[in-house]
N, C-alpha and C. Protein backbone atom coordinates (compact mmCIF):
# COMPACT_ATOMS: atom_id res chain seq x y z
N MET A 1 17.58 -13.80 26.86
CA MET A 1 17.03 -14.95 27.49
C MET A 1 15.49 -14.95 27.36
N SER A 2 14.93 -16.12 27.17
CA SER A 2 13.52 -16.23 26.92
C SER A 2 12.71 -16.06 28.25
N ASN A 3 11.48 -15.72 28.09
CA ASN A 3 10.59 -15.58 29.22
C ASN A 3 10.47 -16.91 29.96
N SER A 4 10.37 -17.99 29.25
CA SER A 4 10.21 -19.30 29.92
C SER A 4 11.50 -19.65 30.67
N ASP A 5 12.67 -19.32 30.15
CA ASP A 5 13.89 -19.57 30.90
C ASP A 5 13.92 -18.78 32.19
N LEU A 6 13.54 -17.52 32.09
CA LEU A 6 13.53 -16.64 33.34
C LEU A 6 12.46 -17.14 34.32
N LEU A 7 11.32 -17.63 33.85
CA LEU A 7 10.32 -18.14 34.76
C LEU A 7 10.88 -19.39 35.44
N GLN A 8 11.56 -20.25 34.74
CA GLN A 8 12.20 -21.40 35.41
C GLN A 8 13.22 -21.02 36.44
N MET A 9 14.00 -20.00 36.09
CA MET A 9 15.05 -19.57 37.06
C MET A 9 14.34 -19.02 38.31
N ARG A 10 13.33 -18.29 38.13
CA ARG A 10 12.58 -17.72 39.28
C ARG A 10 11.96 -18.79 40.10
N SER A 11 11.40 -19.82 39.49
CA SER A 11 10.71 -20.87 40.24
C SER A 11 11.74 -21.75 41.00
N LYS A 12 12.96 -21.81 40.51
CA LYS A 12 13.97 -22.61 41.18
C LYS A 12 14.68 -21.88 42.32
N ASN A 13 14.55 -20.56 42.36
CA ASN A 13 15.24 -19.81 43.38
C ASN A 13 14.25 -18.84 44.04
N GLU A 14 13.82 -19.21 45.20
CA GLU A 14 12.82 -18.40 45.94
C GLU A 14 13.38 -17.25 46.77
N ALA A 15 14.67 -17.14 46.79
CA ALA A 15 15.31 -16.06 47.60
C ALA A 15 14.82 -14.69 47.08
N PRO A 16 14.42 -13.84 47.99
CA PRO A 16 13.91 -12.55 47.58
C PRO A 16 14.88 -11.73 46.72
N GLU A 17 16.17 -11.84 47.00
CA GLU A 17 17.14 -11.12 46.21
C GLU A 17 17.15 -11.61 44.76
N ALA A 18 17.05 -12.89 44.58
CA ALA A 18 17.02 -13.47 43.22
C ALA A 18 15.76 -13.07 42.50
N GLN A 19 14.66 -13.12 43.24
CA GLN A 19 13.37 -12.73 42.63
C GLN A 19 13.41 -11.29 42.15
N ALA A 20 13.95 -10.42 43.00
CA ALA A 20 14.04 -9.01 42.64
C ALA A 20 14.97 -8.78 41.48
N LEU A 21 16.04 -9.52 41.41
CA LEU A 21 16.99 -9.37 40.30
C LEU A 21 16.39 -9.84 38.95
N LEU A 22 15.70 -10.91 38.99
CA LEU A 22 15.14 -11.53 37.76
C LEU A 22 13.87 -10.90 37.28
N ALA A 23 13.12 -10.29 38.17
CA ALA A 23 11.77 -9.78 37.83
C ALA A 23 11.78 -8.83 36.63
N LYS A 24 12.65 -7.85 36.65
CA LYS A 24 12.63 -6.90 35.52
C LYS A 24 12.96 -7.51 34.22
N TYR A 25 13.90 -8.51 34.23
CA TYR A 25 14.24 -9.18 33.00
C TYR A 25 13.07 -10.10 32.50
N GLU A 26 12.38 -10.67 33.42
CA GLU A 26 11.20 -11.43 33.05
C GLU A 26 10.10 -10.54 32.41
N HIS A 27 9.93 -9.38 33.04
CA HIS A 27 8.97 -8.42 32.47
C HIS A 27 9.32 -8.04 31.06
N ARG A 28 10.59 -7.79 30.81
CA ARG A 28 11.06 -7.39 29.49
C ARG A 28 10.92 -8.50 28.50
N ALA A 29 11.28 -9.74 28.89
CA ALA A 29 11.17 -10.86 27.95
C ALA A 29 9.77 -11.16 27.60
N PHE A 30 8.85 -11.09 28.57
CA PHE A 30 7.41 -11.34 28.34
C PHE A 30 6.90 -10.32 27.32
N ALA A 31 7.15 -9.02 27.57
CA ALA A 31 6.67 -7.96 26.67
C ALA A 31 7.27 -8.11 25.29
N ARG A 32 8.56 -8.39 25.23
CA ARG A 32 9.26 -8.54 23.91
C ARG A 32 8.66 -9.70 23.08
N GLU A 33 8.53 -10.84 23.76
CA GLU A 33 8.04 -12.04 23.04
C GLU A 33 6.59 -11.90 22.60
N GLU A 34 5.74 -11.39 23.47
CA GLU A 34 4.31 -11.19 23.09
C GLU A 34 4.18 -10.16 22.00
N SER A 35 4.92 -9.05 22.10
CA SER A 35 4.83 -7.97 21.09
C SER A 35 5.35 -8.43 19.72
N ARG A 36 6.38 -9.25 19.76
CA ARG A 36 6.95 -9.71 18.50
C ARG A 36 6.04 -10.70 17.82
N GLU A 37 5.43 -11.61 18.61
CA GLU A 37 4.53 -12.57 18.05
C GLU A 37 3.22 -11.95 17.66
N ARG A 38 2.73 -10.98 18.39
CA ARG A 38 1.49 -10.32 18.13
C ARG A 38 1.70 -8.80 18.15
N PRO A 39 2.19 -8.21 17.05
CA PRO A 39 2.56 -6.78 17.09
C PRO A 39 1.44 -5.85 17.54
N LEU A 40 0.23 -6.18 17.25
CA LEU A 40 -0.87 -5.28 17.64
C LEU A 40 -1.04 -5.28 19.19
N MET A 41 -0.44 -6.24 19.88
CA MET A 41 -0.53 -6.27 21.33
C MET A 41 0.50 -5.34 21.97
N SER A 42 1.43 -4.83 21.22
CA SER A 42 2.53 -4.03 21.82
C SER A 42 1.98 -2.77 22.48
N VAL A 43 0.93 -2.16 21.92
CA VAL A 43 0.37 -0.99 22.55
C VAL A 43 -0.39 -1.33 23.84
N PRO A 44 -1.29 -2.35 23.84
CA PRO A 44 -1.89 -2.68 25.13
C PRO A 44 -0.92 -3.14 26.20
N ILE A 45 0.13 -3.85 25.76
CA ILE A 45 1.17 -4.30 26.71
C ILE A 45 1.88 -3.08 27.30
N ALA A 46 2.23 -2.14 26.46
CA ALA A 46 2.88 -0.89 26.96
C ALA A 46 1.96 -0.12 27.92
N LEU A 47 0.69 -0.07 27.63
CA LEU A 47 -0.27 0.61 28.50
C LEU A 47 -0.48 -0.16 29.78
N ALA A 48 -0.51 -1.46 29.68
CA ALA A 48 -0.78 -2.29 30.88
C ALA A 48 0.39 -2.35 31.81
N THR A 49 1.59 -2.16 31.31
CA THR A 49 2.76 -2.31 32.17
C THR A 49 2.76 -1.42 33.41
N PRO A 50 2.54 -0.07 33.26
CA PRO A 50 2.50 0.72 34.50
C PRO A 50 1.21 0.49 35.34
N LEU A 51 0.15 0.08 34.65
CA LEU A 51 -1.08 -0.23 35.39
C LEU A 51 -0.93 -1.48 36.23
N TYR A 52 -0.15 -2.45 35.74
CA TYR A 52 0.16 -3.67 36.47
C TYR A 52 0.94 -3.31 37.69
N ALA A 53 1.93 -2.44 37.54
CA ALA A 53 2.76 -2.04 38.68
C ALA A 53 1.91 -1.32 39.72
N LEU A 54 1.00 -0.45 39.26
CA LEU A 54 0.11 0.24 40.24
C LEU A 54 -0.80 -0.74 40.98
N ALA A 55 -1.28 -1.72 40.24
CA ALA A 55 -2.12 -2.76 40.89
C ALA A 55 -1.35 -3.56 41.89
N LYS A 56 -0.09 -3.87 41.58
CA LYS A 56 0.79 -4.57 42.53
C LYS A 56 0.97 -3.72 43.79
N ALA A 57 1.25 -2.42 43.57
CA ALA A 57 1.48 -1.51 44.68
C ALA A 57 0.29 -1.35 45.57
N ALA A 58 -0.91 -1.40 44.96
CA ALA A 58 -2.14 -1.27 45.70
C ALA A 58 -2.54 -2.54 46.39
N GLY A 59 -1.86 -3.62 46.13
CA GLY A 59 -2.18 -4.91 46.73
C GLY A 59 -3.33 -5.61 46.00
N LEU A 60 -3.72 -5.15 44.85
CA LEU A 60 -4.79 -5.81 44.08
C LEU A 60 -4.37 -7.09 43.41
N ILE A 61 -3.05 -7.21 43.22
CA ILE A 61 -2.48 -8.40 42.53
C ILE A 61 -1.40 -8.97 43.44
N GLY A 62 -1.51 -10.26 43.65
CA GLY A 62 -0.43 -10.90 44.46
C GLY A 62 0.75 -11.11 43.54
N ALA A 63 1.97 -10.89 44.08
CA ALA A 63 3.16 -10.99 43.25
C ALA A 63 4.31 -11.40 44.12
N ARG A 64 5.36 -11.97 43.51
CA ARG A 64 6.54 -12.36 44.24
C ARG A 64 7.42 -11.21 44.59
N THR A 65 7.28 -10.11 43.85
CA THR A 65 8.15 -8.95 44.14
C THR A 65 7.30 -7.70 44.14
N PRO A 66 7.72 -6.67 44.90
CA PRO A 66 7.02 -5.37 44.82
C PRO A 66 7.34 -4.74 43.48
N PRO A 67 6.45 -3.79 43.04
CA PRO A 67 6.70 -3.11 41.79
C PRO A 67 7.89 -2.19 41.91
N THR A 68 8.62 -2.05 40.80
CA THR A 68 9.75 -1.14 40.76
C THR A 68 9.70 -0.40 39.40
N ILE A 69 10.38 0.77 39.40
CA ILE A 69 10.54 1.52 38.14
C ILE A 69 11.29 0.68 37.16
N GLY A 70 12.26 -0.10 37.62
CA GLY A 70 13.02 -0.99 36.72
C GLY A 70 12.11 -1.99 35.99
N GLN A 71 11.16 -2.61 36.70
CA GLN A 71 10.26 -3.49 36.09
C GLN A 71 9.40 -2.80 34.97
N VAL A 72 8.92 -1.62 35.30
CA VAL A 72 8.13 -0.83 34.32
C VAL A 72 8.98 -0.49 33.12
N GLY A 73 10.19 0.04 33.37
CA GLY A 73 11.07 0.41 32.29
C GLY A 73 11.41 -0.75 31.40
N HIS A 74 11.75 -1.92 31.99
CA HIS A 74 12.06 -3.08 31.20
C HIS A 74 10.84 -3.60 30.45
N GLY A 75 9.67 -3.52 31.06
CA GLY A 75 8.47 -3.95 30.34
C GLY A 75 8.19 -3.05 29.10
N LEU A 76 8.36 -1.76 29.28
CA LEU A 76 8.15 -0.86 28.17
C LEU A 76 9.19 -1.08 27.08
N ALA A 77 10.45 -1.28 27.52
CA ALA A 77 11.53 -1.55 26.52
C ALA A 77 11.25 -2.82 25.77
N GLY A 78 10.77 -3.85 26.45
CA GLY A 78 10.49 -5.12 25.82
C GLY A 78 9.35 -4.97 24.80
N ALA A 79 8.36 -4.18 25.11
CA ALA A 79 7.26 -3.98 24.12
C ALA A 79 7.83 -3.29 22.86
N GLY A 80 8.69 -2.34 23.05
CA GLY A 80 9.33 -1.65 21.89
C GLY A 80 10.21 -2.61 21.11
N GLU A 81 11.00 -3.39 21.81
CA GLU A 81 11.90 -4.33 21.12
C GLU A 81 11.11 -5.37 20.34
N GLY A 82 10.01 -5.85 20.91
CA GLY A 82 9.19 -6.81 20.22
C GLY A 82 8.55 -6.22 18.99
N LEU A 83 8.09 -4.99 19.07
CA LEU A 83 7.49 -4.35 17.90
C LEU A 83 8.54 -4.12 16.79
N VAL A 84 9.72 -3.67 17.17
CA VAL A 84 10.80 -3.51 16.17
C VAL A 84 11.16 -4.88 15.55
N GLY A 85 11.21 -5.90 16.39
CA GLY A 85 11.49 -7.26 15.87
C GLY A 85 10.43 -7.72 14.90
N ALA A 86 9.18 -7.46 15.19
CA ALA A 86 8.06 -7.84 14.31
C ALA A 86 8.17 -7.14 12.96
N VAL A 87 8.50 -5.88 13.01
CA VAL A 87 8.69 -5.12 11.74
C VAL A 87 9.82 -5.68 10.95
N LYS A 88 10.94 -5.93 11.58
CA LYS A 88 12.11 -6.51 10.89
C LYS A 88 11.75 -7.88 10.31
N ASP A 89 10.99 -8.65 11.05
CA ASP A 89 10.58 -10.00 10.56
C ASP A 89 9.73 -9.91 9.30
N SER A 90 8.98 -8.81 9.19
CA SER A 90 8.05 -8.68 8.06
C SER A 90 8.72 -8.09 6.79
N LEU A 91 9.94 -7.63 6.94
CA LEU A 91 10.63 -7.03 5.77
C LEU A 91 11.30 -8.14 4.93
N PRO A 92 11.39 -7.92 3.64
CA PRO A 92 12.05 -8.92 2.79
C PRO A 92 13.50 -8.96 3.19
N GLY A 93 14.16 -10.01 2.76
CA GLY A 93 15.61 -10.20 3.03
C GLY A 93 16.44 -9.05 2.46
N PRO A 94 17.69 -9.00 2.79
CA PRO A 94 18.55 -7.95 2.32
C PRO A 94 18.75 -8.09 0.78
N PRO A 95 18.93 -6.92 0.09
CA PRO A 95 19.13 -6.99 -1.34
C PRO A 95 20.41 -7.73 -1.65
N ARG A 96 20.40 -8.34 -2.79
CA ARG A 96 21.58 -9.08 -3.25
C ARG A 96 22.63 -8.07 -3.71
N VAL A 97 23.87 -8.27 -3.21
CA VAL A 97 24.95 -7.43 -3.60
C VAL A 97 25.91 -8.23 -4.44
N GLY A 98 26.38 -7.59 -5.53
CA GLY A 98 27.35 -8.26 -6.37
C GLY A 98 26.67 -8.74 -7.66
N PRO A 99 27.39 -9.44 -8.48
CA PRO A 99 26.87 -9.84 -9.78
C PRO A 99 25.82 -10.95 -9.59
N PRO A 100 24.90 -11.04 -10.56
CA PRO A 100 23.85 -12.05 -10.52
C PRO A 100 24.49 -13.42 -10.61
N PRO A 101 23.86 -14.45 -10.07
CA PRO A 101 24.45 -15.81 -10.21
C PRO A 101 24.45 -16.19 -11.68
N LYS A 102 25.47 -17.01 -12.01
CA LYS A 102 25.65 -17.49 -13.42
C LYS A 102 24.58 -18.52 -13.72
N SER A 103 24.04 -18.43 -14.96
CA SER A 103 23.09 -19.44 -15.39
C SER A 103 23.80 -20.69 -15.81
N ARG A 104 23.17 -21.84 -15.67
CA ARG A 104 23.85 -23.08 -16.07
C ARG A 104 23.21 -23.62 -17.30
């Protein structure tokens, strides 16, 4: 699910239980999409993920949910998934298998 879809879901459902359930998936989707679109950002995103959680815990950042290990884990996983996706996107297509096409 995309980050924008998850943001919409969170904005439509203010219940704390729903916010807590969706937060980690939103963190993952954000990190995955940003890292895939901008592969060089995967490292700063991975570094910022636990720092963001610490800032939330310290009350330096207002947030809808308290920080959790799940949010950090999903954020880190998303950064890795995005980087892998970017590498795959940059590779040429699969090699052709079978006989070459017939000339006309």
